[in-house]
Amino acid sequence: MAHNHDHGHDHTHGANKKTLIISFIIITTYMVVEAIGGYLTNSLALLADAGHMLSDSISMGVAILAFTLGEKVADYSKTYGYKRFEILAAVFNGVTLVLIALYIFYEAYHRFANPPEVASGGMLAIAFVGLAVNVVVAWILMRGGDTEENLNVRAAFLHVIGDLLGSVGAVAAALLIMFFGWVWADPLASVIVAVLVLISGWRVTRDAVHILMEGTPKNIDLDDIIQTMEAVPGIESIHDLHAWCITSGQNALSCHAVVDGNLSVQDSQKILRTIEHELAHKGIGHVTIQMENTGHPHENELLCQNEDEAHHGHAH
């Protein structure tokens, strides 16, 4: 068996957590201001944006909780630790976004039919400050967090970008009401926000479910991985291959490798270290390989079938 863990994960983990805490405080504070402002000015666009900010706030709070739980060390009941909680948090996030979007659509429909009076001056001021707040938070997340690899930070970043566009919509709607008296601009802006919320919610949910279903990590090319392993001298073939994601940025792989039966123990260890080194460069930090001699009955099967597992139960 060979194991190799990703040590770079801890450093980015700390930076991600700190970035999320700062963003959470700013967003939550302004969300309260925007919700009160939306209520007082009677603006659905502001309330929609505040609703989106509430989902940001919840998502960041859950993400911080996920990072904190993820720091708990592995134990006998959770051998990979608690890092998968981050993915559960991302699912919660995505579903919350979808529900908020549907509610905004419902409200906007009624406002198109019966547009109420909106205090456009107050709406403009609050929306403009909201825009500035979102720009600052987006910059903080971009600079201090891993928006590419970490699902939770990316979810938070997508929320904030959606908010930013929502604030732009609210500013535009306030200006249209002030100068042209177009009261329908307010529900229209809220619908645009709702569409953005819906899209980001769907994407985050889809990506998180893919990980929960043990799907092959998006940044891993299995054909390339197989060719890399089979190119190592001494490896004859690879089968029973599985690649999955433990949590964002932590990929794992297990397989059976058929080797020449005449190899010494030292040669086998050298092959294992070579494969670990090669795969680490391809984004797989946790590798488990079972060595087998030539002539294994399943060597032609690349992906492990359930019936095979029932018959040989990985006991070699």
C-alpha atoms as a PDB file:
ATOM      1  CA  MET A   1       0.000   0.000   0.000  1.00  0.00           C
ATOM      2  CA  ALA A   2       1.229   3.497  -0.715  1.00  0.00           C
ATOM      3  CA  HIS A   3      -0.096   6.738   0.715  1.00  0.00           C
ATOM      4  CA  ASN A   4       0.900  10.286   0.009  1.00  0.00           C
ATOM      5  CA  HIS A   5      -0.940  13.263   1.511  1.00  0.00           C
ATOM      6  CA  ASP A   6      -1.309  16.760   0.172  1.00  0.00           C
ATOM      7  CA  HIS A   7       0.585  19.024   2.594  1.00  0.00           C
ATOM      8  CA  GLY A   8      -0.148  22.270   0.735  1.00  0.00           C
ATOM      9  CA  HIS A   9      -3.809  21.942   1.668  1.00  0.00           C
ATOM     10  CA  ASP A  10      -3.425  23.213   5.256  1.00  0.00           C
ATOM     11  CA  HIS A  11      -1.891  26.566   4.337  1.00  0.00           C
ATOM     12  CA  THR A  12      -4.631  27.456   1.821  1.00  0.00           C
ATOM     13  CA  HIS A  13      -7.193  26.125   4.298  1.00  0.00           C
ATOM     14  CA  GLY A  14      -6.172  28.740   6.898  1.00  0.00           C
ATOM     15  CA  ALA A  15      -6.149  31.568   4.343  1.00  0.00           C
ATOM     16  CA  ASN A  16      -9.565  30.508   3.020  1.00  0.00           C
ATOM     17  CA  LYS A  17     -11.055  30.462   6.512  1.00  0.00           C
ATOM     18  CA  LYS A  18      -9.685  33.907   7.458  1.00  0.00           C
ATOM     19  CA  THR A  19     -10.894  35.398   4.174  1.00  0.00           C
ATOM     20  CA  LEU A  20     -14.377  33.946   4.681  1.00  0.00           C
ATOM     21  CA  ILE A  21     -14.632  35.291   8.253  1.00  0.00           C
ATOM     22  CA  ILE A  22     -13.784  38.868   7.132  1.00  0.00           C
ATOM     23  CA  SER A  23     -16.228  38.623   4.211  1.00  0.00           C
ATOM     24  CA  PHE A  24     -18.938  37.154   6.475  1.00  0.00           C
ATOM     25  CA  ILE A  25     -18.753  40.100   8.924  1.00  0.00           C
ATOM     26  CA  ILE A  26     -18.949  42.734   6.147  1.00  0.00           C
ATOM     27  CA  ILE A  27     -21.762  41.002   4.219  1.00  0.00           C
ATOM     28  CA  THR A  28     -23.899  40.239   7.290  1.00  0.00           C
ATOM     29  CA  THR A  29     -23.673  43.839   8.551  1.00  0.00           C
ATOM     30  CA  TYR A  30     -24.665  45.322   5.212  1.00  0.00           C
ATOM     31  CA  MET A  31     -27.373  42.709   4.594  1.00  0.00           C
ATOM     32  CA  VAL A  32     -29.236  44.015   7.679  1.00  0.00           C
ATOM     33  CA  VAL A  33     -28.879  47.610   6.415  1.00  0.00           C
ATOM     34  CA  GLU A  34     -30.148  46.678   2.942  1.00  0.00           C
ATOM     35  CA  ALA A  35     -33.108  44.649   4.271  1.00  0.00           C
ATOM     36  CA  ILE A  36     -34.241  47.585   6.461  1.00  0.00           C
ATOM     37  CA  GLY A  37     -33.659  49.985   3.547  1.00  0.00           C
ATOM     38  CA  GLY A  38     -35.643  47.781   1.153  1.00  0.00           C
ATOM     39  CA  TYR A  39     -38.532  47.615   3.613  1.00  0.00           C
ATOM     40  CA  LEU A  40     -38.567  51.403   4.251  1.00  0.00           C
ATOM     41  CA  THR A  41     -38.265  52.384   0.559  1.00  0.00           C
ATOM     42  CA  ASN A  42     -40.640  49.569  -0.558  1.00  0.00           C
ATOM     43  CA  SER A  43     -38.116  48.319  -3.133  1.00  0.00           C
ATOM     44  CA  LEU A  44     -38.272  44.652  -4.171  1.00  0.00           C
ATOM     45  CA  ALA A  45     -34.919  45.028  -5.971  1.00  0.00           C
ATOM     46  CA  LEU A  46     -33.285  45.986  -2.669  1.00  0.00           C
ATOM     47  CA  LEU A  47     -35.119  43.249  -0.780  1.00  0.00           C
ATOM     48  CA  ALA A  48     -34.076  40.718  -3.459  1.00  0.00           C
ATOM     49  CA  ASP A  49     -30.488  41.853  -3.126  1.00  0.00           C
ATOM     50  CA  ALA A  50     -30.766  41.665   0.681  1.00  0.00           C
ATOM     51  CA  GLY A  51     -32.222  38.144   0.289  1.00  0.00           C
ATOM     52  CA  HIS A  52     -29.242  37.215  -1.841  1.00  0.00           C
ATOM     53  CA  MET A  53     -26.952  38.766   0.767  1.00  0.00           C
ATOM     54  CA  LEU A  54     -28.719  36.734   3.461  1.00  0.00           C
ATOM     55  CA  SER A  55     -27.951  33.589   1.480  1.00  0.00           C
ATOM     56  CA  ASP A  56     -24.331  34.832   1.179  1.00  0.00           C
ATOM     57  CA  SER A  57     -24.211  35.370   4.893  1.00  0.00           C
ATOM     58  CA  ILE A  58     -25.670  31.914   5.656  1.00  0.00           C
ATOM     59  CA  SER A  59     -23.405  30.254   3.089  1.00  0.00           C
ATOM     60  CA  MET A  60     -20.297  31.923   4.478  1.00  0.00           C
ATOM     61  CA  GLY A  61     -21.326  31.053   8.040  1.00  0.00           C
ATOM     62  CA  VAL A  62     -21.849  27.410   7.043  1.00  0.00           C
ATOM     63  CA  ALA A  63     -18.567  27.435   5.082  1.00  0.00           C
ATOM     64  CA  ILE A  64     -16.682  28.753   8.132  1.00  0.00           C
ATOM     65  CA  LEU A  65     -18.329  26.021  10.219  1.00  0.00           C
ATOM     66  CA  ALA A  66     -17.320  23.508   7.533  1.00  0.00           C
ATOM     67  CA  PHE A  67     -13.700  24.656   7.633  1.00  0.00           C
ATOM     68  CA  THR A  68     -13.718  24.487  11.448  1.00  0.00           C
ATOM     69  CA  LEU A  69     -15.187  20.962  11.425  1.00  0.00           C
ATOM     70  CA  GLY A  70     -12.803  20.022   8.606  1.00  0.00           C
ATOM     71  CA  GLU A  71      -9.897  20.802  10.947  1.00  0.00           C
ATOM     72  CA  LYS A  72     -10.957  17.978  13.267  1.00  0.00           C
ATOM     73  CA  VAL A  73      -8.488  15.157  12.865  1.00  0.00           C
ATOM     74  CA  ALA A  74      -9.436  11.826  11.362  1.00  0.00           C
ATOM     75  CA  ASP A  75     -10.597   9.178  13.820  1.00  0.00           C
ATOM     76  CA  TYR A  76     -11.758   5.560  13.653  1.00  0.00           C
ATOM     77  CA  SER A  77     -15.321   6.566  12.799  1.00  0.00           C
ATOM     78  CA  LYS A  78     -14.303   9.202  10.177  1.00  0.00           C
ATOM     79  CA  THR A  79     -11.069   7.927   8.681  1.00  0.00           C
ATOM     80  CA  TYR A  80     -10.838  10.808   6.194  1.00  0.00           C
ATOM     81  CA  GLY A  81     -11.595  13.342   8.933  1.00  0.00           C
ATOM     82  CA  TYR A  82     -14.505  15.775   8.584  1.00  0.00           C
ATOM     83  CA  LYS A  83     -13.471  17.546   5.395  1.00  0.00           C
ATOM     84  CA  ARG A  84     -16.440  16.202   3.418  1.00  0.00           C
ATOM     85  CA  PHE A  85     -18.667  18.467   5.550  1.00  0.00           C
ATOM     86  CA  GLU A  86     -17.521  21.307   3.269  1.00  0.00           C
ATOM     87  CA  ILE A  87     -19.311  19.593   0.397  1.00  0.00           C
ATOM     88  CA  LEU A  88     -22.501  19.124   2.427  1.00  0.00           C
ATOM     89  CA  ALA A  89     -22.312  22.858   3.191  1.00  0.00           C
ATOM     90  CA  ALA A  90     -22.036  23.605  -0.530  1.00  0.00           C
ATOM     91  CA  VAL A  91     -25.175  21.514  -1.244  1.00  0.00           C
ATOM     92  CA  PHE A  92     -27.069  23.391   1.476  1.00  0.00           C
ATOM     93  CA  ASN A  93     -25.873  26.631  -0.054  1.00  0.00           C
ATOM     94  CA  GLY A  94     -26.943  25.807  -3.575  1.00  0.00           C
ATOM     95  CA  VAL A  95     -30.424  24.629  -2.556  1.00  0.00           C
ATOM     96  CA  THR A  96     -30.946  27.777  -0.425  1.00  0.00           C
ATOM     97  CA  LEU A  97     -30.080  29.937  -3.441  1.00  0.00           C
ATOM     98  CA  VAL A  98     -32.566  28.131  -5.679  1.00  0.00           C
ATOM     99  CA  LEU A  99     -35.384  28.569  -3.114  1.00  0.00           C
ATOM    100  CA  ILE A 100     -34.628  32.296  -2.665  1.00  0.00           C
ATOM    101  CA  ALA A 101     -34.678  32.780  -6.457  1.00  0.00           C
ATOM    102  CA  LEU A 102     -38.095  31.106  -6.748  1.00  0.00           C
ATOM    103  CA  TYR A 103     -39.500  33.335  -3.984  1.00  0.00           C
ATOM    104  CA  ILE A 104     -38.227  36.505  -5.714  1.00  0.00           C
ATOM    105  CA  PHE A 105     -39.886  35.401  -8.990  1.00  0.00           C
ATOM    106  CA  TYR A 106     -43.172  34.949  -7.119  1.00  0.00           C
ATOM    107  CA  GLU A 107     -42.982  38.420  -5.508  1.00  0.00           C
ATOM    108  CA  ALA A 108     -41.957  40.127  -8.761  1.00  0.00           C
ATOM    109  CA  TYR A 109     -44.923  38.590 -10.612  1.00  0.00           C
ATOM    110  CA  HIS A 110     -47.318  40.311  -8.183  1.00  0.00           C
ATOM    111  CA  ARG A 111     -45.460  43.616  -8.455  1.00  0.00           C
ATOM    112  CA  PHE A 112     -45.625  43.662 -12.249  1.00  0.00           C
ATOM    113  CA  ALA A 113     -49.403  43.253 -11.987  1.00  0.00           C
ATOM    114  CA  ASN A 114     -49.775  45.894  -9.277  1.00  0.00           C
ATOM    115  CA  PRO A 115     -46.698  48.154  -8.987  1.00  0.00           C
ATOM    116  CA  PRO A 116     -46.424  49.944  -5.617  1.00  0.00           C
ATOM    117  CA  GLU A 117     -44.788  53.324  -4.908  1.00  0.00           C
ATOM    118  CA  VAL A 118     -41.026  53.160  -4.412  1.00  0.00           C
ATOM    119  CA  ALA A 119     -38.886  55.794  -2.628  1.00  0.00           C
ATOM    120  CA  SER A 120     -36.286  55.967  -5.389  1.00  0.00           C
ATOM    121  CA  GLY A 121     -33.879  58.410  -3.681  1.00  0.00           C
ATOM    122  CA  GLY A 122     -33.336  56.219  -0.623  1.00  0.00           C
ATOM    123  CA  MET A 123     -33.265  53.142  -2.849  1.00  0.00           C
ATOM    124  CA  LEU A 124     -30.469  54.673  -4.972  1.00  0.00           C
ATOM    125  CA  ALA A 125     -28.319  55.579  -1.950  1.00  0.00           C
ATOM    126  CA  ILE A 126     -28.619  52.119  -0.356  1.00  0.00           C
ATOM    127  CA  ALA A 127     -28.047  50.291  -3.655  1.00  0.00           C
ATOM    128  CA  PHE A 128     -24.936  52.375  -4.353  1.00  0.00           C
ATOM    129  CA  VAL A 129     -23.398  51.605  -0.945  1.00  0.00           C
ATOM    130  CA  GLY A 130     -24.322  47.928  -1.495  1.00  0.00           C
ATOM    131  CA  LEU A 131     -22.435  47.974  -4.795  1.00  0.00           C
ATOM    132  CA  ALA A 132     -19.317  49.347  -3.060  1.00  0.00           C
ATOM    133  CA  VAL A 133     -19.558  46.726  -0.285  1.00  0.00           C
ATOM    134  CA  ASN A 134     -19.811  43.882  -2.817  1.00  0.00           C
ATOM    135  CA  VAL A 135     -16.817  45.154  -4.801  1.00  0.00           C
ATOM    136  CA  VAL A 136     -14.725  45.199  -1.587  1.00  0.00           C
ATOM    137  CA  VAL A 137     -15.814  41.685  -0.529  1.00  0.00           C
ATOM    138  CA  ALA A 138     -15.246  40.250  -4.041  1.00  0.00           C
ATOM    139  CA  TRP A 139     -11.743  41.740  -3.985  1.00  0.00           C
ATOM    140  CA  ILE A 140     -11.044  40.245  -0.515  1.00  0.00           C
ATOM    141  CA  LEU A 141     -12.171  36.770  -1.676  1.00  0.00           C
ATOM    142  CA  MET A 142     -10.170  36.984  -4.916  1.00  0.00           C
ATOM    143  CA  ARG A 143      -7.019  38.116  -3.124  1.00  0.00           C
ATOM    144  CA  GLY A 144      -7.108  35.928  -0.025  1.00  0.00           C
ATOM    145  CA  GLY A 145      -9.111  32.823  -0.978  1.00  0.00           C
ATOM    146  CA  ASP A 146      -8.836  29.894  -3.367  1.00  0.00           C
ATOM    147  CA  THR A 147     -11.737  30.696  -5.709  1.00  0.00           C
ATOM    148  CA  GLU A 148     -10.571  28.120  -8.288  1.00  0.00           C
ATOM    149  CA  GLU A 149     -10.252  24.869  -6.349  1.00  0.00           C
ATOM    150  CA  ASN A 150     -12.216  25.232  -3.107  1.00  0.00           C
ATOM    151  CA  LEU A 151     -15.954  24.720  -3.626  1.00  0.00           C
ATOM    152  CA  ASN A 152     -16.960  26.666  -0.528  1.00  0.00           C
ATOM    153  CA  VAL A 153     -14.860  29.723  -1.313  1.00  0.00           C
ATOM    154  CA  ARG A 154     -15.994  29.548  -4.937  1.00  0.00           C
ATOM    155  CA  ALA A 155     -19.633  29.332  -3.812  1.00  0.00           C
ATOM    156  CA  ALA A 156     -19.144  32.392  -1.594  1.00  0.00           C
ATOM    157  CA  PHE A 157     -17.420  34.243  -4.442  1.00  0.00           C
ATOM    158  CA  LEU A 158     -20.239  33.413  -6.888  1.00  0.00           C
ATOM    159  CA  HIS A 159     -22.784  34.669  -4.337  1.00  0.00           C
ATOM    160  CA  VAL A 160     -20.921  37.964  -4.016  1.00  0.00           C
ATOM    161  CA  ILE A 161     -20.609  38.412  -7.802  1.00  0.00           C
ATOM    162  CA  GLY A 162     -24.367  37.795  -8.056  1.00  0.00           C
ATOM    163  CA  ASP A 163     -24.882  40.405  -5.333  1.00  0.00           C
ATOM    164  CA  LEU A 164     -22.648  42.853  -7.118  1.00  0.00           C
ATOM    165  CA  LEU A 165     -24.721  42.512 -10.293  1.00  0.00           C
ATOM    166  CA  GLY A 166     -27.874  42.772  -8.150  1.00  0.00           C
ATOM    167  CA  SER A 167     -26.650  46.073  -6.739  1.00  0.00           C
ATOM    168  CA  VAL A 168     -25.962  47.325 -10.276  1.00  0.00           C
ATOM    169  CA  GLY A 169     -29.548  46.349 -11.177  1.00  0.00           C
ATOM    170  CA  ALA A 170     -30.953  48.138  -8.114  1.00  0.00           C
ATOM    171  CA  VAL A 171     -28.955  51.318  -8.936  1.00  0.00           C
ATOM    172  CA  ALA A 172     -30.218  51.235 -12.533  1.00  0.00           C
ATOM    173  CA  ALA A 173     -33.824  50.641 -11.406  1.00  0.00           C
ATOM    174  CA  ALA A 174     -33.656  53.537  -8.907  1.00  0.00           C
ATOM    175  CA  LEU A 175     -32.372  55.873 -11.640  1.00  0.00           C
ATOM    176  CA  LEU A 176     -35.130  54.770 -14.065  1.00  0.00           C
ATOM    177  CA  ILE A 177     -37.808  55.397 -11.405  1.00  0.00           C
ATOM    178  CA  MET A 178     -36.311  58.796 -10.490  1.00  0.00           C
ATOM    179  CA  PHE A 179     -35.966  60.144 -14.032  1.00  0.00           C
ATOM    180  CA  PHE A 180     -38.738  58.376 -15.978  1.00  0.00           C
ATOM    181  CA  GLY A 181     -41.162  57.179 -13.310  1.00  0.00           C
ATOM    182  CA  TRP A 182     -40.821  53.578 -14.591  1.00  0.00           C
ATOM    183  CA  VAL A 183     -41.969  51.725 -11.449  1.00  0.00           C
ATOM    184  CA  TRP A 184     -41.777  48.370 -13.266  1.00  0.00           C
ATOM    185  CA  ALA A 185     -37.969  48.769 -13.301  1.00  0.00           C
ATOM    186  CA  ASP A 186     -37.922  47.665  -9.644  1.00  0.00           C
ATOM    187  CA  PRO A 187     -39.496  44.187 -10.110  1.00  0.00           C
ATOM    188  CA  LEU A 188     -37.560  43.818 -13.393  1.00  0.00           C
ATOM    189  CA  ALA A 189     -34.251  44.367 -11.559  1.00  0.00           C
ATOM    190  CA  SER A 190     -35.315  41.832  -8.916  1.00  0.00           C
ATOM    191  CA  VAL A 191     -36.072  39.225 -11.626  1.00  0.00           C
ATOM    192  CA  ILE A 192     -32.585  39.734 -13.114  1.00  0.00           C
ATOM    193  CA  VAL A 193     -31.092  39.169  -9.632  1.00  0.00           C
ATOM    194  CA  ALA A 194     -33.259  36.050  -9.203  1.00  0.00           C
ATOM    195  CA  VAL A 195     -31.997  34.572 -12.499  1.00  0.00           C
ATOM    196  CA  LEU A 196     -28.370  35.099 -11.376  1.00  0.00           C
ATOM    197  CA  VAL A 197     -29.158  33.555  -7.984  1.00  0.00           C
ATOM    198  CA  LEU A 198     -30.809  30.561  -9.660  1.00  0.00           C
ATOM    199  CA  ILE A 199     -27.871  29.916 -12.018  1.00  0.00           C
ATOM    200  CA  SER A 200     -25.208  30.083  -9.305  1.00  0.00           C
ATOM    201  CA  GLY A 201     -27.343  27.954  -6.967  1.00  0.00           C
ATOM    202  CA  TRP A 202     -27.792  25.267  -9.613  1.00  0.00           C
ATOM    203  CA  ARG A 203     -24.063  25.164 -10.462  1.00  0.00           C
ATOM    204  CA  VAL A 204     -22.888  24.899  -6.862  1.00  0.00           C
ATOM    205  CA  THR A 205     -25.449  22.151  -6.124  1.00  0.00           C
ATOM    206  CA  ARG A 206     -24.479  20.194  -9.254  1.00  0.00           C
ATOM    207  CA  ASP A 207     -20.725  20.324  -8.494  1.00  0.00           C
ATOM    208  CA  ALA A 208     -21.222  19.349  -4.859  1.00  0.00           C
ATOM    209  CA  VAL A 209     -23.522  16.409  -5.730  1.00  0.00           C
ATOM    210  CA  HIS A 210     -20.909  15.193  -8.249  1.00  0.00           C
ATOM    211  CA  ILE A 211     -18.383  14.964  -5.388  1.00  0.00           C
ATOM    212  CA  LEU A 212     -20.879  13.257  -3.049  1.00  0.00           C
ATOM    213  CA  MET A 213     -21.549  10.698  -5.803  1.00  0.00           C
ATOM    214  CA  GLU A 214     -17.780   9.928  -5.826  1.00  0.00           C
ATOM    215  CA  GLY A 215     -17.569  11.268  -9.387  1.00  0.00           C
ATOM    216  CA  THR A 216     -14.181  11.536 -11.090  1.00  0.00           C
ATOM    217  CA  PRO A 217     -12.634  14.915 -10.156  1.00  0.00           C
ATOM    218  CA  LYS A 218     -13.159  17.500 -12.918  1.00  0.00           C
ATOM    219  CA  ASN A 219      -9.450  18.346 -13.214  1.00  0.00           C
ATOM    220  CA  ILE A 220      -8.392  14.687 -13.586  1.00  0.00           C
ATOM    221  CA  ASP A 221      -8.010  13.040 -17.010  1.00  0.00           C
ATOM    222  CA  LEU A 222      -8.271   9.288 -16.337  1.00  0.00           C
ATOM    223  CA  ASP A 223      -6.769   8.256 -19.696  1.00  0.00           C
ATOM    224  CA  ASP A 224      -3.747  10.438 -18.992  1.00  0.00           C
ATOM    225  CA  ILE A 225      -3.439   8.987 -15.453  1.00  0.00           C
ATOM    226  CA  ILE A 226      -3.552   5.404 -16.777  1.00  0.00           C
ATOM    227  CA  GLN A 227      -0.930   6.144 -19.460  1.00  0.00           C
ATOM    228  CA  THR A 228       1.305   7.805 -16.852  1.00  0.00           C
ATOM    229  CA  MET A 229       1.139   4.780 -14.535  1.00  0.00           C
ATOM    230  CA  GLU A 230       1.567   2.197 -17.302  1.00  0.00           C
ATOM    231  CA  ALA A 231       4.606   4.117 -18.595  1.00  0.00           C
ATOM    232  CA  VAL A 232       6.444   3.443 -15.299  1.00  0.00           C
ATOM    233  CA  PRO A 233       9.010   0.633 -15.882  1.00  0.00           C
ATOM    234  CA  GLY A 234       7.863  -2.608 -14.233  1.00  0.00           C
ATOM    235  CA  ILE A 235       4.119  -1.897 -14.493  1.00  0.00           C
ATOM    236  CA  GLU A 236       2.409  -4.252 -16.925  1.00  0.00           C
ATOM    237  CA  SER A 237      -1.204  -3.110 -16.546  1.00  0.00           C
ATOM    238  CA  ILE A 238      -3.627  -1.249 -14.303  1.00  0.00           C
ATOM    239  CA  HIS A 239      -7.137  -2.369 -13.287  1.00  0.00           C
ATOM    240  CA  ASP A 240      -9.834  -1.839 -10.627  1.00  0.00           C
ATOM    241  CA  LEU A 241      -9.175   1.891 -10.908  1.00  0.00           C
ATOM    242  CA  HIS A 242     -11.098   4.427  -8.820  1.00  0.00           C
ATOM    243  CA  ALA A 243     -10.518   8.200  -8.656  1.00  0.00           C
ATOM    244  CA  TRP A 244     -12.602  10.442  -6.430  1.00  0.00           C
ATOM    245  CA  CYS A 245     -12.584  13.698  -4.508  1.00  0.00           C
ATOM    246  CA  ILE A 246     -12.486  13.706  -0.681  1.00  0.00           C
ATOM    247  CA  THR A 247     -13.221  17.439  -0.558  1.00  0.00           C
ATOM    248  CA  SER A 248     -12.346  20.469  -2.714  1.00  0.00           C
ATOM    249  CA  GLY A 249      -8.717  20.274  -3.804  1.00  0.00           C
ATOM    250  CA  GLN A 250      -8.102  16.816  -2.285  1.00  0.00           C
ATOM    251  CA  ASN A 251      -8.194  14.022  -4.831  1.00  0.00           C
ATOM    252  CA  ALA A 252      -7.648  10.332  -4.138  1.00  0.00           C
ATOM    253  CA  LEU A 253      -6.981   7.304  -6.311  1.00  0.00           C
ATOM    254  CA  SER A 254      -6.876   3.556  -5.734  1.00  0.00           C
ATOM    255  CA  CYS A 255      -6.057   0.773  -8.187  1.00  0.00           C
ATOM    256  CA  HIS A 256      -4.503  -2.632  -8.656  1.00  0.00           C
ATOM    257  CA  ALA A 257      -1.203  -2.664 -10.554  1.00  0.00           C
ATOM    258  CA  VAL A 258       0.008  -5.843 -12.252  1.00  0.00           C
ATOM    259  CA  VAL A 259       3.810  -6.114 -12.087  1.00  0.00           C
ATOM    260  CA  ASP A 260       6.438  -8.600 -13.189  1.00  0.00           C
ATOM    261  CA  GLY A 261       6.524 -11.435 -10.614  1.00  0.00           C
ATOM    262  CA  ASN A 262      10.335 -11.453 -10.590  1.00  0.00           C
ATOM    263  CA  LEU A 263      10.618  -7.947  -9.075  1.00  0.00           C
ATOM    264  CA  SER A 264      12.203  -7.595  -5.644  1.00  0.00           C
ATOM    265  CA  VAL A 265      10.471  -5.809  -2.730  1.00  0.00           C
ATOM    266  CA  GLN A 266      12.870  -2.854  -3.186  1.00  0.00           C
ATOM    267  CA  ASP A 267      11.943  -2.617  -6.886  1.00  0.00           C
ATOM    268  CA  SER A 268       8.224  -2.641  -6.002  1.00  0.00           C
ATOM    269  CA  GLN A 269       8.719   0.155  -3.461  1.00  0.00           C
ATOM    270  CA  LYS A 270      10.666   2.170  -6.026  1.00  0.00           C
ATOM    271  CA  ILE A 271       7.802   1.741  -8.548  1.00  0.00           C
ATOM    272  CA  LEU A 272       5.276   2.901  -5.921  1.00  0.00           C
ATOM    273  CA  ARG A 273       7.313   6.003  -5.100  1.00  0.00           C
ATOM    274  CA  THR A 274       7.685   6.833  -8.802  1.00  0.00           C
ATOM    275  CA  ILE A 275       3.912   6.555  -9.356  1.00  0.00           C
ATOM    276  CA  GLU A 276       3.158   8.664  -6.270  1.00  0.00           C
ATOM    277  CA  HIS A 277       5.557  11.346  -7.480  1.00  0.00           C
ATOM    278  CA  GLU A 278       4.076  11.371 -11.006  1.00  0.00           C
ATOM    279  CA  LEU A 279       0.459  11.504  -9.751  1.00  0.00           C
ATOM    280  CA  ALA A 280       1.198  14.259  -7.216  1.00  0.00           C
ATOM    281  CA  HIS A 281       2.086  16.479 -10.200  1.00  0.00           C
ATOM    282  CA  LYS A 282      -1.283  15.639 -11.739  1.00  0.00           C
ATOM    283  CA  GLY A 283      -3.326  16.744  -8.729  1.00  0.00           C
ATOM    284  CA  ILE A 284      -3.736  13.419  -6.900  1.00  0.00           C
ATOM    285  CA  GLY A 285      -2.296  13.620  -3.394  1.00  0.00           C
ATOM    286  CA  HIS A 286      -3.689  10.441  -1.839  1.00  0.00           C
ATOM    287  CA  VAL A 287      -2.694   7.270  -3.686  1.00  0.00           C
ATOM    288  CA  THR A 288      -3.387   3.639  -2.714  1.00  0.00           C
ATOM    289  CA  ILE A 289      -1.990   0.933  -4.995  1.00  0.00           C
ATOM    290  CA  GLN A 290      -2.239  -2.831  -4.593  1.00  0.00           C
ATOM    291  CA  MET A 291       0.552  -4.699  -6.344  1.00  0.00           C
ATOM    292  CA  GLU A 292      -0.181  -8.026  -8.050  1.00  0.00           C
ATOM    293  CA  ASN A 293       1.900 -10.524  -9.965  1.00  0.00           C
ATOM    294  CA  THR A 294       1.267 -11.315 -13.621  1.00  0.00           C
ATOM    295  CA  GLY A 295      -1.629 -13.662 -14.304  1.00  0.00           C
ATOM    296  CA  HIS A 296      -4.245 -12.113 -12.032  1.00  0.00           C
ATOM    297  CA  PRO A 297      -7.735 -13.178 -13.238  1.00  0.00           C
ATOM    298  CA  HIS A 298      -9.130  -9.627 -13.467  1.00  0.00           C
ATOM    299  CA  GLU A 299      -6.221  -7.853 -15.091  1.00  0.00           C
ATOM    300  CA  ASN A 300      -8.163  -6.956 -18.232  1.00  0.00           C
ATOM    301  CA  GLU A 301     -10.833  -5.022 -16.389  1.00  0.00           C
ATOM    302  CA  LEU A 302      -9.949  -1.405 -15.952  1.00  0.00           C
ATOM    303  CA  LEU A 303     -12.854  -0.340 -13.749  1.00  0.00           C
ATOM    304  CA  CYS A 304     -13.823  -2.568 -10.869  1.00  0.00           C
ATOM    305  CA  GLN A 305     -17.204  -4.286 -11.237  1.00  0.00           C
ATOM    306  CA  ASN A 306     -19.442  -4.908  -8.232  1.00  0.00           C
ATOM    307  CA  GLU A 307     -19.614  -8.646  -8.886  1.00  0.00           C
ATOM    308  CA  ASP A 308     -15.814  -8.834  -8.855  1.00  0.00           C
ATOM    309  CA  GLU A 309     -15.723  -7.015  -5.529  1.00  0.00           C
ATOM    310  CA  ALA A 310     -18.256  -9.519  -4.132  1.00  0.00           C
ATOM    311  CA  HIS A 311     -16.107 -12.446  -5.308  1.00  0.00           C
ATOM    312  CA  HIS A 312     -12.636 -11.330  -4.295  1.00  0.00           C
ATOM    313  CA  GLY A 313     -13.422  -8.651  -1.695  1.00  0.00           C
ATOM    314  CA  HIS A 314     -10.023  -7.004  -2.172  1.00  0.00           C
ATOM    315  CA  ALA A 315      -8.388  -9.800  -0.162  1.00  0.00           C
ATOM    316  CA  HIS A 316      -5.229 -10.814  -1.994  1.00  0.00           C
END
